[in-house]
C-alpha atoms as a PDB file:
ATOM      1  CA  MET A   1      96.203  93.025  92.258  1.00  0.00           C
ATOM      2  CA  SER A   2      97.084  94.768  94.471  1.00  0.00           C
ATOM      3  CA  LEU A   3     101.389  95.482  95.300  1.00  0.00           C
ATOM      4  CA  VAL A   4     101.989  98.179  98.623  1.00  0.00           C
ATOM      5  CA  CYS A   5     105.340  99.678  99.353  1.00  0.00           C
ATOM      6  CA  ALA A   6     106.359 100.004 102.742  1.00  0.00           C
ATOM      7  CA  GLY A   7     109.783  99.295 102.729  1.00  0.00           C
ATOM      8  CA  PRO A   8     112.031 102.193 104.653  1.00  0.00           C
ATOM      9  CA  THR A   9     114.592 101.807 101.828  1.00  0.00           C
ATOM     10  CA  THR A  10     114.588 104.734  99.547  1.00  0.00           C
ATOM     11  CA  ASP A  11     114.376 102.735  96.144  1.00  0.00           C
ATOM     12  CA  GLN A  12     111.300 100.374  97.225  1.00  0.00           C
ATOM     13  CA  PRO A  13     109.049 103.107  95.734  1.00  0.00           C
ATOM     14  CA  ARG A  14     110.878 102.294  91.705  1.00  0.00           C
ATOM     15  CA  ARG A  15     111.684  97.756  92.878  1.00  0.00           C
ATOM     16  CA  VAL A  16     107.135  98.060  93.933  1.00  0.00           C
ATOM     17  CA  ASN A  17     106.317  99.893  90.017  1.00  0.00           C
ATOM     18  CA  ASN A  18     108.943  98.010  88.173  1.00  0.00           C
ATOM     19  CA  MET A  19     107.672  95.085  89.835  1.00  0.00           C
ATOM     20  CA  ALA A  20     103.941  96.443  88.437  1.00  0.00           C
ATOM     21  CA  GLN A  21     103.954  96.974  85.305  1.00  0.00           C
ATOM     22  CA  THR A  22     106.128  93.611  84.819  1.00  0.00           C
ATOM     23  CA  ALA A  23     102.650  91.889  86.109  1.00  0.00           C
ATOM     24  CA  VAL A  24     101.168  93.945  83.728  1.00  0.00           C
ATOM     25  CA  TYR A  25     102.372  93.039  80.960  1.00  0.00           C
ATOM     26  CA  GLN A  26     102.909  89.387  81.963  1.00  0.00           C
ATOM     27  CA  LEU A  27      98.415  90.381  82.520  1.00  0.00           C
ATOM     28  CA  GLN A  28      97.756  91.962  79.992  1.00  0.00           C
ATOM     29  CA  LYS A  29      95.182  90.238  78.107  1.00  0.00           C
ATOM     30  CA  THR A  30      93.331  88.309  81.222  1.00  0.00           C
ATOM     31  CA  ASP A  31      91.445  91.027  82.690  1.00  0.00           C
ATOM     32  CA  VAL A  32      93.605  91.419  85.027  1.00  0.00           C
ATOM     33  CA  ARG A  33      93.659  95.260  86.819  1.00  0.00           C
ATOM     34  CA  VAL A  34      97.282  95.996  88.674  1.00  0.00           C
ATOM     35  CA  ASN A  35      97.865  98.782  90.781  1.00  0.00           C
ATOM     36  CA  SER A  36     100.960 100.283  93.183  1.00  0.00           C
ATOM     37  CA  VAL A  37     100.952 102.044  96.535  1.00  0.00           C
ATOM     38  CA  CYS A  38     103.832 103.838  97.372  1.00  0.00           C
ATOM     39  CA  PRO A  39     102.339 105.489 100.312  1.00  0.00           C
ATOM     40  CA  GLY A  40     105.721 106.935 101.657  1.00  0.00           C
ATOM     41  CA  LEU A  41     106.753 107.380 105.607  1.00  0.00           C
ATOM     42  CA  ILE A  42     105.105 105.800 107.873  1.00  0.00           C
ATOM     43  CA  GLU A  43     104.921 105.542 111.458  1.00  0.00           C
ATOM     44  CA  THR A  44     104.683 101.696 111.964  1.00  0.00           C
ATOM     45  CA  GLY A  45     106.750  99.064 114.597  1.00  0.00           C
ATOM     46  CA  MET A  46     109.352  99.064 111.822  1.00  0.00           C
ATOM     47  CA  THR A  47     110.006 103.038 112.525  1.00  0.00           C
ATOM     48  CA  THR A  48     109.531 103.524 115.624  1.00  0.00           C
ATOM     49  CA  ALA A  49     113.335 104.210 116.536  1.00  0.00           C
ATOM     50  CA  VAL A  50     112.913 106.439 113.634  1.00  0.00           C
ATOM     51  CA  PHE A  51     110.120 108.909 114.913  1.00  0.00           C
ATOM     52  CA  GLN A  52     111.288 108.523 118.664  1.00  0.00           C
ATOM     53  CA  TYR A  53     114.760 109.654 117.281  1.00  0.00           C
ATOM     54  CA  ALA A  54     113.333 112.241 115.880  1.00  0.00           C
ATOM     55  CA  ARG A  55     110.983 113.460 118.735  1.00  0.00           C
ATOM     56  CA  GLN A  56     114.280 112.806 121.281  1.00  0.00           C
ATOM     57  CA  LYS A  57     115.605 115.889 119.149  1.00  0.00           C
ATOM     58  CA  GLY A  58     112.902 118.456 118.600  1.00  0.00           C
ATOM     59  CA  ALA A  59     112.003 117.542 115.434  1.00  0.00           C
ATOM     60  CA  GLY A  60     108.773 115.607 115.863  1.00  0.00           C
ATOM     61  CA  GLY A  61     107.226 117.958 113.654  1.00  0.00           C
ATOM     62  CA  LYS A  62     109.408 117.831 111.007  1.00  0.00           C
ATOM     63  CA  ILE A  63     109.053 113.950 110.282  1.00  0.00           C
ATOM     64  CA  GLY A  64     107.752 113.269 106.822  1.00  0.00           C
ATOM     65  CA  GLN A  65     108.202 117.579 105.884  1.00  0.00           C
ATOM     66  CA  LEU A  66     109.429 116.050 102.588  1.00  0.00           C
ATOM     67  CA  ASN A  67     106.487 113.401 101.620  1.00  0.00           C
ATOM     68  CA  PRO A  68     104.139 115.288  98.802  1.00  0.00           C
ATOM     69  CA  LEU A  69     101.082 116.093 101.574  1.00  0.00           C
ATOM     70  CA  GLY A  70     103.510 117.517 103.651  1.00  0.00           C
ATOM     71  CA  ARG A  71     103.826 114.949 106.439  1.00  0.00           C
ATOM     72  CA  TYR A  72     104.389 111.292 107.393  1.00  0.00           C
ATOM     73  CA  GLY A  73     101.508 108.415 106.918  1.00  0.00           C
ATOM     74  CA  ILE A  74     100.215 105.766 109.391  1.00  0.00           C
ATOM     75  CA  ALA A  75      99.204 101.920 109.121  1.00  0.00           C
ATOM     76  CA  ASP A  76      95.441 102.659 109.759  1.00  0.00           C
ATOM     77  CA  GLY A  77      95.364 105.048 107.294  1.00  0.00           C
ATOM     78  CA  VAL A  78      96.966 103.293 103.648  1.00  0.00           C
ATOM     79  CA  ALA A  79      94.609 100.231 104.586  1.00  0.00           C
ATOM     80  CA  TYR A  80      92.252 101.965 105.049  1.00  0.00           C
ATOM     81  CA  PHE A  81      92.945 103.768 101.115  1.00  0.00           C
ATOM     82  CA  LEU A  82      92.997 100.102 100.348  1.00  0.00           C
ATOM     83  CA  CYS A  83      90.507  98.782 101.447  1.00  0.00           C
ATOM     84  CA  GLY A  84      88.298 101.720 101.124  1.00  0.00           C
ATOM     85  CA  HIS A  85      86.793 101.165 104.395  1.00  0.00           C
ATOM     86  CA  ARG A  86      86.602 102.604 107.786  1.00  0.00           C
ATOM     87  CA  LEU A  87      88.259  99.909 109.576  1.00  0.00           C
ATOM     88  CA  TYR A  88      87.836 100.731 113.073  1.00  0.00           C
END
């Protein structure tokens, strides 16, 4: 079972991790592995306005700088991580 966090709210990763932890307790004797992924800010259709606004203000290079990797992600990168192979 895999849970992916891709929402725009800041409390979403906490919710996904709590859901994963609950699933672990419920599935502990069924030999099912539970993972959760919370990649941070991802450029998608939902976040297009945020990216466009930052780029218009000249702050495009600062987008995602507070993430641990120091950059924002793209949807293909998350899909590649989850699938473990090339998608294109």
